[in-house]
PDB file of all heavy atoms in Angstrom:
ATOM      1  N   TRP A   1      52.417  97.074  80.205  1.00  0.00           N
ATOM      2  CA  TRP A   1      52.348  98.073  81.283  1.00  0.00           C
ATOM      3  C   TRP A   1      53.365  97.772  82.392  1.00  0.00           C
ATOM      4  O   TRP A   1      54.020  98.690  82.911  1.00  0.00           O
ATOM      5  CB  TRP A   1      50.933  98.092  81.847  1.00  0.00           C
ATOM      6  CG  TRP A   1      50.710  98.891  83.081  1.00  0.00           C
ATOM      7  CD1 TRP A   1      50.479  98.415  84.353  1.00  0.00           C
ATOM      8  CD2 TRP A   1      50.638 100.315  83.194  1.00  0.00           C
ATOM      9  NE1 TRP A   1      50.273  99.449  85.233  1.00  0.00           N
ATOM     10  CE2 TRP A   1      50.368 100.619  84.558  1.00  0.00           C
ATOM     11  CE3 TRP A   1      50.780 101.362  82.272  1.00  0.00           C
ATOM     12  CZ2 TRP A   1      50.230 101.933  85.006  1.00  0.00           C
ATOM     13  CZ3 TRP A   1      50.651 102.659  82.737  1.00  0.00           C
ATOM     14  CH2 TRP A   1      50.381 102.925  84.087  1.00  0.00           C
ATOM     15  N   ASN A   2      53.512  96.496  82.730  1.00  0.00           N
ATOM     16  CA  ASN A   2      54.445  96.137  83.811  1.00  0.00           C
ATOM     17  C   ASN A   2      55.877  96.014  83.343  1.00  0.00           C
ATOM     18  O   ASN A   2      56.772  95.700  84.125  1.00  0.00           O
ATOM     19  CB  ASN A   2      53.987  94.851  84.514  1.00  0.00           C
ATOM     20  CG  ASN A   2      53.865  93.677  83.539  1.00  0.00           C
ATOM     21  OD1 ASN A   2      54.416  93.686  82.436  1.00  0.00           O
ATOM     22  ND2 ASN A   2      53.107  92.667  83.951  1.00  0.00           N
ATOM     23  N   GLY A   3      56.112  96.241  82.068  1.00  0.00           N
ATOM     24  CA  GLY A   3      57.472  96.224  81.548  1.00  0.00           C
ATOM     25  C   GLY A   3      58.068  94.835  81.379  1.00  0.00           C
ATOM     26  O   GLY A   3      59.237  94.697  81.028  1.00  0.00           O
ATOM     27  N   ILE A   4      57.297  93.792  81.639  1.00  0.00           N
ATOM     28  CA  ILE A   4      57.836  92.445  81.637  1.00  0.00           C
ATOM     29  C   ILE A   4      57.761  91.786  80.253  1.00  0.00           C
ATOM     30  O   ILE A   4      58.674  91.091  79.813  1.00  0.00           O
ATOM     31  CB  ILE A   4      57.066  91.559  82.664  1.00  0.00           C
ATOM     32  CG1 ILE A   4      57.337  92.072  84.071  1.00  0.00           C
ATOM     33  CG2 ILE A   4      57.455  90.093  82.527  1.00  0.00           C
ATOM     34  CD1 ILE A   4      56.525  91.352  85.147  1.00  0.00           C
ATOM     35  N   PHE A   5      56.675  92.026  79.559  1.00  0.00           N
ATOM     36  CA  PHE A   5      56.452  91.352  78.276  1.00  0.00           C
ATOM     37  C   PHE A   5      56.758  92.274  77.118  1.00  0.00           C
ATOM     38  O   PHE A   5      56.342  93.422  77.106  1.00  0.00           O
ATOM     39  CB  PHE A   5      55.025  90.824  78.216  1.00  0.00           C
ATOM     40  CG  PHE A   5      54.714  89.850  79.297  1.00  0.00           C
ATOM     41  CD1 PHE A   5      54.022  90.269  80.447  1.00  0.00           C
ATOM     42  CD2 PHE A   5      55.130  88.545  79.233  1.00  0.00           C
ATOM     43  CE1 PHE A   5      53.743  89.388  81.486  1.00  0.00           C
ATOM     44  CE2 PHE A   5      54.872  87.657  80.263  1.00  0.00           C
ATOM     45  CZ  PHE A   5      54.194  88.078  81.381  1.00  0.00           C
ATOM     46  N   THR A   6      57.481  91.742  76.135  1.00  0.00           N
ATOM     47  CA  THR A   6      57.841  92.509  74.945  1.00  0.00           C
ATOM     48  C   THR A   6      57.696  91.636  73.709  1.00  0.00           C
ATOM     49  O   THR A   6      57.668  90.408  73.798  1.00  0.00           O
ATOM     50  CB  THR A   6      59.287  93.023  75.013  1.00  0.00           C
ATOM     51  OG1 THR A   6      60.182  91.912  75.135  1.00  0.00           O
ATOM     52  CG2 THR A   6      59.494  93.967  76.199  1.00  0.00           C
ATOM     53  N   ASP A   7      57.638  92.283  72.577  1.00  0.00           N
ATOM     54  CA  ASP A   7      57.634  91.593  71.294  1.00  0.00           C
ATOM     55  C   ASP A   7      58.326  92.500  70.303  1.00  0.00           C
ATOM     56  O   ASP A   7      58.221  93.734  70.396  1.00  0.00           O
ATOM     57  CB  ASP A   7      56.208  91.261  70.848  1.00  0.00           C
ATOM     58  CG  ASP A   7      56.182  90.322  69.655  1.00  0.00           C
ATOM     59  OD1 ASP A   7      57.194  89.617  69.418  1.00  0.00           O
ATOM     60  OD2 ASP A   7      55.163  90.284  68.944  1.00  0.00           O
ATOM     61  N   TYR A   8      59.000  91.883  69.321  1.00  0.00           N
ATOM     62  CA  TYR A   8      59.756  92.648  68.351  1.00  0.00           C
ATOM     63  C   TYR A   8      59.479  92.137  66.946  1.00  0.00           C
ATOM     64  O   TYR A   8      59.249  90.937  66.742  1.00  0.00           O
ATOM     65  CB  TYR A   8      61.257  92.507  68.614  1.00  0.00           C
ATOM     66  CG  TYR A   8      61.730  93.098  69.915  1.00  0.00           C
ATOM     67  CD1 TYR A   8      61.758  92.336  71.089  1.00  0.00           C
ATOM     68  CD2 TYR A   8      62.157  94.422  69.997  1.00  0.00           C
ATOM     69  CE1 TYR A   8      62.188  92.872  72.294  1.00  0.00           C
ATOM     70  CE2 TYR A   8      62.593  94.977  71.186  1.00  0.00           C
ATOM     71  CZ  TYR A   8      62.597  94.204  72.328  1.00  0.00           C
ATOM     72  OH  TYR A   8      63.034  94.744  73.519  1.00  0.00           O
ATOM     73  N   ALA A   9      59.599  93.038  65.997  1.00  0.00           N
ATOM     74  CA  ALA A   9      59.628  92.620  64.599  1.00  0.00           C
ATOM     75  C   ALA A   9      60.933  91.867  64.373  1.00  0.00           C
ATOM     76  O   ALA A   9      61.955  92.108  65.068  1.00  0.00           O
ATOM     77  CB  ALA A   9      59.548  93.831  63.693  1.00  0.00           C
ATOM     78  N   ASP A  10      60.933  90.989  63.416  1.00  0.00           N
ATOM     79  CA  ASP A  10      62.162  90.220  63.099  1.00  0.00           C
ATOM     80  C   ASP A  10      63.326  91.160  62.810  1.00  0.00           C
ATOM     81  O   ASP A  10      64.472  90.883  63.171  1.00  0.00           O
ATOM     82  CB  ASP A  10      61.914  89.289  61.918  1.00  0.00           C
ATOM     83  CG  ASP A  10      61.031  88.119  62.303  1.00  0.00           C
ATOM     84  OD1 ASP A  10      60.864  87.837  63.510  1.00  0.00           O
ATOM     85  OD2 ASP A  10      60.506  87.465  61.381  1.00  0.00           O
ATOM     86  N   SER A  11      63.037  92.276  62.152  1.00  0.00           N
ATOM     87  CA  SER A  11      64.099  93.209  61.759  1.00  0.00           C
ATOM     88  C   SER A  11      64.725  93.888  62.991  1.00  0.00           C
ATOM     89  O   SER A  11      65.814  94.429  62.884  1.00  0.00           O
ATOM     90  CB  SER A  11      63.553  94.257  60.794  1.00  0.00           C
ATOM     91  OG  SER A  11      62.496  94.976  61.411  1.00  0.00           O
ATOM     92  N   ALA A  12      64.019  93.876  64.108  1.00  0.00           N
ATOM     93  CA  ALA A  12      64.498  94.566  65.307  1.00  0.00           C
ATOM     94  C   ALA A  12      65.142  93.615  66.315  1.00  0.00           C
ATOM     95  O   ALA A  12      65.906  94.074  67.175  1.00  0.00           O
ATOM     96  CB  ALA A  12      63.340  95.299  65.975  1.00  0.00           C
ATOM     97  N   LYS A  13      64.860  92.361  66.220  1.00  0.00           N
ATOM     98  CA  LYS A  13      65.368  91.397  67.211  1.00  0.00           C
ATOM     99  C   LYS A  13      66.872  91.384  67.231  1.00  0.00           C
ATOM    100  O   LYS A  13      67.519  91.325  66.193  1.00  0.00           O
ATOM    101  CB  LYS A  13      64.822  90.002  66.915  1.00  0.00           C
ATOM    102  CG  LYS A  13      63.343  89.849  67.204  1.00  0.00           C
ATOM    103  CD  LYS A  13      62.825  88.463  66.839  1.00  0.00           C
ATOM    104  CE  LYS A  13      61.335  88.337  67.115  1.00  0.00           C
ATOM    105  NZ  LYS A  13      60.781  87.057  66.655  1.00  0.00           N
ATOM    106  N   GLY A  14      67.433  91.451  68.428  1.00  0.00           N
ATOM    107  CA  GLY A  14      68.890  91.416  68.596  1.00  0.00           C
ATOM    108  C   GLY A  14      69.571  92.755  68.442  1.00  0.00           C
ATOM    109  O   GLY A  14      70.745  92.892  68.791  1.00  0.00           O
ATOM    110  N   ARG A  15      68.839  93.750  67.925  1.00  0.00           N
ATOM    111  CA  ARG A  15      69.448  95.086  67.750  1.00  0.00           C
ATOM    112  C   ARG A  15      68.726  96.169  68.553  1.00  0.00           C
ATOM    113  O   ARG A  15      69.348  97.126  69.010  1.00  0.00           O
ATOM    114  CB  ARG A  15      69.436  95.473  66.263  1.00  0.00           C
ATOM    115  CG  ARG A  15      70.197  94.520  65.366  1.00  0.00           C
ATOM    116  CD  ARG A  15      70.293  95.086  63.933  1.00  0.00           C
ATOM    117  NE  ARG A  15      68.977  95.324  63.358  1.00  0.00           N
ATOM    118  CZ  ARG A  15      68.601  96.479  62.796  1.00  0.00           C
ATOM    119  NH1 ARG A  15      69.429  97.512  62.762  1.00  0.00           N
ATOM    120  NH2 ARG A  15      67.407  96.606  62.267  1.00  0.00           N
ATOM    121  N   PHE A  16      67.410  96.038  68.666  1.00  0.00           N
ATOM    122  CA  PHE A  16      66.602  97.066  69.345  1.00  0.00           C
ATOM    123  C   PHE A  16      66.110  96.507  70.689  1.00  0.00           C
ATOM    124  O   PHE A  16      65.844  95.313  70.813  1.00  0.00           O
ATOM    125  CB  PHE A  16      65.389  97.454  68.517  1.00  0.00           C
ATOM    126  CG  PHE A  16      65.697  98.124  67.202  1.00  0.00           C
ATOM    127  CD1 PHE A  16      67.002  98.369  66.782  1.00  0.00           C
ATOM    128  CD2 PHE A  16      64.665  98.555  66.384  1.00  0.00           C
ATOM    129  CE1 PHE A  16      67.274  98.990  65.582  1.00  0.00           C
ATOM    130  CE2 PHE A  16      64.927  99.201  65.188  1.00  0.00           C
ATOM    131  CZ  PHE A  16      66.233  99.406  64.781  1.00  0.00           C
ATOM    132  N   THR A  17      65.966  97.393  71.654  1.00  0.00           N
ATOM    133  CA  THR A  17      65.419  97.020  72.955  1.00  0.00           C
ATOM    134  C   THR A  17      64.389  98.068  73.389  1.00  0.00           C
ATOM    135  O   THR A  17      64.713  99.256  73.447  1.00  0.00           O
ATOM    136  CB  THR A  17      66.512  96.932  74.027  1.00  0.00           C
ATOM    137  OG1 THR A  17      67.504  95.979  73.620  1.00  0.00           O
ATOM    138  CG2 THR A  17      65.919  96.488  75.363  1.00  0.00           C
ATOM    139  N   ILE A  18      63.190  97.583  73.665  1.00  0.00           N
ATOM    140  CA  ILE A  18      62.146  98.468  74.173  1.00  0.00           C
ATOM    141  C   ILE A  18      62.097  98.318  75.689  1.00  0.00           C
ATOM    142  O   ILE A  18      62.276  97.199  76.205  1.00  0.00           O
ATOM    143  CB  ILE A  18      60.772  98.153  73.531  1.00  0.00           C
ATOM    144  CG1 ILE A  18      59.736  99.228  73.892  1.00  0.00           C
ATOM    145  CG2 ILE A  18      60.297  96.747  73.891  1.00  0.00           C
ATOM    146  CD1 ILE A  18      58.432  99.114  73.089  1.00  0.00           C
ATOM    147  N   ALA A  19      61.892  99.406  76.392  1.00  0.00           N
ATOM    148  CA  ALA A  19      61.922  99.327  77.860  1.00  0.00           C
ATOM    149  C   ALA A  19      61.023 100.394  78.470  1.00  0.00           C
ATOM    150  O   ALA A  19      60.771 101.442  77.867  1.00  0.00           O
ATOM    151  CB  ALA A  19      63.356  99.517  78.361  1.00  0.00           C
ATOM    152  N   ARG A  20      60.524 100.083  79.644  1.00  0.00           N
ATOM    153  CA  ARG A  20      59.769 101.046  80.467  1.00  0.00           C
ATOM    154  C   ARG A  20      59.842 100.538  81.900  1.00  0.00           C
ATOM    155  O   ARG A  20      59.896  99.318  82.135  1.00  0.00           O
ATOM    156  CB  ARG A  20      58.309 101.183  80.030  1.00  0.00           C
ATOM    157  CG  ARG A  20      57.455 100.011  80.406  1.00  0.00           C
ATOM    158  CD  ARG A  20      56.075 100.038  79.786  1.00  0.00           C
ATOM    159  NE  ARG A  20      55.247 101.167  80.144  1.00  0.00           N
ATOM    160  CZ  ARG A  20      53.990 101.337  79.698  1.00  0.00           C
ATOM    161  NH1 ARG A  20      53.447 100.430  78.878  1.00  0.00           N
ATOM    162  NH2 ARG A  20      53.291 102.389  80.067  1.00  0.00           N
ATOM    163  N   ASN A  21      59.854 101.406  82.850  1.00  0.00           N
ATOM    164  CA  ASN A  21      59.702 101.003  84.243  1.00  0.00           C
ATOM    165  C   ASN A  21      58.215 100.655  84.452  1.00  0.00           C
ATOM    166  O   ASN A  21      57.339 101.221  83.835  1.00  0.00           O
ATOM    167  CB  ASN A  21      60.124 102.122  85.176  1.00  0.00           C
ATOM    168  CG  ASN A  21      61.601 102.363  85.104  1.00  0.00           C
ATOM    169  OD1 ASN A  21      62.372 101.435  84.921  1.00  0.00           O
ATOM    170  ND2 ASN A  21      62.019 103.615  85.231  1.00  0.00           N
ATOM    171  N   SER A  22      57.956  99.717  85.335  1.00  0.00           N
ATOM    172  CA  SER A  22      56.581  99.280  85.598  1.00  0.00           C
ATOM    173  C   SER A  22      55.680 100.457  85.907  1.00  0.00           C
ATOM    174  O   SER A  22      55.976 101.248  86.826  1.00  0.00           O
ATOM    175  CB  SER A  22      56.546  98.284  86.761  1.00  0.00           C
ATOM    176  OG  SER A  22      55.229  97.875  87.006  1.00  0.00           O
ATOM    177  N   GLY A  23      54.640 100.614  85.139  1.00  0.00           N
ATOM    178  CA  GLY A  23      53.685 101.665  85.393  1.00  0.00           C
ATOM    179  C   GLY A  23      54.120 103.029  84.917  1.00  0.00           C
ATOM    180  O   GLY A  23      53.423 104.024  85.112  1.00  0.00           O
ATOM    181  N   SER A  24      55.276 103.108  84.276  1.00  0.00           N
ATOM    182  CA  SER A  24      55.764 104.401  83.779  1.00  0.00           C
ATOM    183  C   SER A  24      55.060 104.791  82.505  1.00  0.00           C
ATOM    184  O   SER A  24      54.670 103.926  81.706  1.00  0.00           O
ATOM    185  CB  SER A  24      57.267 104.325  83.524  1.00  0.00           C
ATOM    186  OG  SER A  24      57.717 105.508  82.889  1.00  0.00           O
ATOM    187  N   THR A  25      54.906 106.086  82.319  1.00  0.00           N
ATOM    188  CA  THR A  25      54.287 106.577  81.091  1.00  0.00           C
ATOM    189  C   THR A  25      55.330 106.964  80.041  1.00  0.00           C
ATOM    190  O   THR A  25      54.991 107.578  79.038  1.00  0.00           O
ATOM    191  CB  THR A  25      53.375 107.764  81.396  1.00  0.00           C
ATOM    192  OG1 THR A  25      54.127 108.767  82.092  1.00  0.00           O
ATOM    193  CG2 THR A  25      52.188 107.353  82.258  1.00  0.00           C
ATOM    194  N   THR A  26      56.575 106.616  80.272  1.00  0.00           N
ATOM    195  CA  THR A  26      57.637 106.867  79.306  1.00  0.00           C
ATOM    196  C   THR A  26      58.229 105.541  78.846  1.00  0.00           C
ATOM    197  O   THR A  26      58.531 104.677  79.663  1.00  0.00           O
ATOM    198  CB  THR A  26      58.746 107.737  79.902  1.00  0.00           C
ATOM    199  OG1 THR A  26      58.198 108.989  80.311  1.00  0.00           O
ATOM    200  CG2 THR A  26      59.839 107.988  78.863  1.00  0.00           C
ATOM    201  N   VAL A  27      58.337 105.406  77.541  1.00  0.00           N
ATOM    202  CA  VAL A  27      58.872 104.194  76.941  1.00  0.00           C
ATOM    203  C   VAL A  27      60.093 104.571  76.106  1.00  0.00           C
ATOM    204  O   VAL A  27      60.125 105.633  75.480  1.00  0.00           O
ATOM    205  CB  VAL A  27      57.816 103.512  76.057  1.00  0.00           C
ATOM    206  CG1 VAL A  27      58.419 102.385  75.263  1.00  0.00           C
ATOM    207  CG2 VAL A  27      56.675 102.997  76.884  1.00  0.00           C
ATOM    208  N   PHE A  28      61.092 103.701  76.120  1.00  0.00           N
ATOM    209  CA  PHE A  28      62.318 103.947  75.390  1.00  0.00           C
ATOM    210  C   PHE A  28      62.503 102.878  74.314  1.00  0.00           C
ATOM    211  O   PHE A  28      62.055 101.726  74.477  1.00  0.00           O
ATOM    212  CB  PHE A  28      63.509 103.929  76.347  1.00  0.00           C
ATOM    213  CG  PHE A  28      63.370 104.904  77.480  1.00  0.00           C
ATOM    214  CD1 PHE A  28      62.891 104.483  78.719  1.00  0.00           C
ATOM    215  CD2 PHE A  28      63.720 106.229  77.310  1.00  0.00           C
ATOM    216  CE1 PHE A  28      62.756 105.392  79.765  1.00  0.00           C
ATOM    217  CE2 PHE A  28      63.589 107.135  78.345  1.00  0.00           C
ATOM    218  CZ  PHE A  28      63.110 106.718  79.584  1.00  0.00           C
ATOM    219  N   LEU A  29      63.207 103.243  73.266  1.00  0.00           N
ATOM    220  CA  LEU A  29      63.627 102.283  72.247  1.00  0.00           C
ATOM    221  C   LEU A  29      65.112 102.496  72.012  1.00  0.00           C
ATOM    222  O   LEU A  29      65.517 103.509  71.403  1.00  0.00           O
ATOM    223  CB  LEU A  29      62.832 102.445  70.966  1.00  0.00           C
ATOM    224  CG  LEU A  29      63.138 101.415  69.886  1.00  0.00           C
ATOM    225  CD1 LEU A  29      62.634 100.032  70.307  1.00  0.00           C
ATOM    226  CD2 LEU A  29      62.519 101.803  68.541  1.00  0.00           C
ATOM    227  N   GLN A  30      65.911 101.586  72.492  1.00  0.00           N
ATOM    228  CA  GLN A  30      67.358 101.608  72.262  1.00  0.00           C
ATOM    229  C   GLN A  30      67.642 100.884  70.958  1.00  0.00           C
ATOM    230  O   GLN A  30      67.292  99.716  70.814  1.00  0.00           O
ATOM    231  CB  GLN A  30      68.105 100.957  73.412  1.00  0.00           C
ATOM    232  CG  GLN A  30      69.611 100.894  73.218  1.00  0.00           C
ATOM    233  CD  GLN A  30      70.268 102.262  73.251  1.00  0.00           C
ATOM    234  OE1 GLN A  30      69.912 103.100  74.072  1.00  0.00           O
ATOM    235  NE2 GLN A  30      71.214 102.497  72.338  1.00  0.00           N
ATOM    236  N   MET A  31      68.237 101.592  70.019  1.00  0.00           N
ATOM    237  CA  MET A  31      68.522 101.012  68.706  1.00  0.00           C
ATOM    238  C   MET A  31      70.017 100.970  68.491  1.00  0.00           C
ATOM    239  O   MET A  31      70.686 102.013  68.476  1.00  0.00           O
ATOM    240  CB  MET A  31      67.841 101.842  67.618  1.00  0.00           C
ATOM    241  CG  MET A  31      66.341 102.020  67.823  1.00  0.00           C
ATOM    242  SD  MET A  31      65.525 102.827  66.424  1.00  0.00           S
ATOM    243  CE  MET A  31      66.272 104.438  66.494  1.00  0.00           C
ATOM    244  N   ASN A  32      70.529  99.768  68.332  1.00  0.00           N
ATOM    245  CA  ASN A  32      71.970  99.564  68.097  1.00  0.00           C
ATOM    246  C   ASN A  32      72.185  98.963  66.707  1.00  0.00           C
ATOM    247  O   ASN A  32      71.262  98.444  66.102  1.00  0.00           O
ATOM    248  CB  ASN A  32      72.548  98.639  69.166  1.00  0.00           C
ATOM    249  CG  ASN A  32      72.405  99.208  70.566  1.00  0.00           C
ATOM    250  OD1 ASN A  32      72.467 100.424  70.770  1.00  0.00           O
ATOM    251  ND2 ASN A  32      72.233  98.321  71.538  1.00  0.00           N
ATOM    252  N   SER A  33      73.427  99.038  66.267  1.00  0.00           N
ATOM    253  CA  SER A  33      73.791  98.449  64.969  1.00  0.00           C
ATOM    254  C   SER A  33      72.839  98.921  63.874  1.00  0.00           C
ATOM    255  O   SER A  33      72.339  98.118  63.079  1.00  0.00           O
ATOM    256  CB  SER A  33      73.803  96.929  65.057  1.00  0.00           C
ATOM    257  OG  SER A  33      74.696  96.476  66.050  1.00  0.00           O
ATOM    258  N   LEU A  34      72.597 100.210  63.840  1.00  0.00           N
ATOM    259  CA  LEU A  34      71.643 100.742  62.875  1.00  0.00           C
ATOM    260  C   LEU A  34      72.131 100.574  61.444  1.00  0.00           C
ATOM    261  O   LEU A  34      73.342 100.645  61.177  1.00  0.00           O
ATOM    262  CB  LEU A  34      71.355 102.206  63.189  1.00  0.00           C
ATOM    263  CG  LEU A  34      70.425 102.440  64.381  1.00  0.00           C
ATOM    264  CD1 LEU A  34      70.529 103.850  64.892  1.00  0.00           C
ATOM    265  CD2 LEU A  34      68.980 102.101  63.999  1.00  0.00           C
ATOM    266  N   GLU A  35      71.177 100.367  60.556  1.00  0.00           N
ATOM    267  CA  GLU A  35      71.442 100.139  59.136  1.00  0.00           C
ATOM    268  C   GLU A  35      70.671 101.184  58.330  1.00  0.00           C
ATOM    269  O   GLU A  35      69.666 101.714  58.816  1.00  0.00           O
ATOM    270  CB  GLU A  35      70.999  98.740  58.760  1.00  0.00           C
ATOM    271  CG  GLU A  35      71.637  97.634  59.589  1.00  0.00           C
ATOM    272  CD  GLU A  35      70.913  96.312  59.396  1.00  0.00           C
ATOM    273  OE1 GLU A  35      69.842  96.282  58.761  1.00  0.00           O
ATOM    274  OE2 GLU A  35      71.464  95.284  59.889  1.00  0.00           O
TER     275      GLU A  35
END
């Protein structure tokens, strides 16, 4: 909820980034180097 803690699947680490502003109801997933 506070946007501070995240966890990723091994397949996503280093390529994907999950983000949200603290308390925001919108979450983003930035996906780079897609395969």
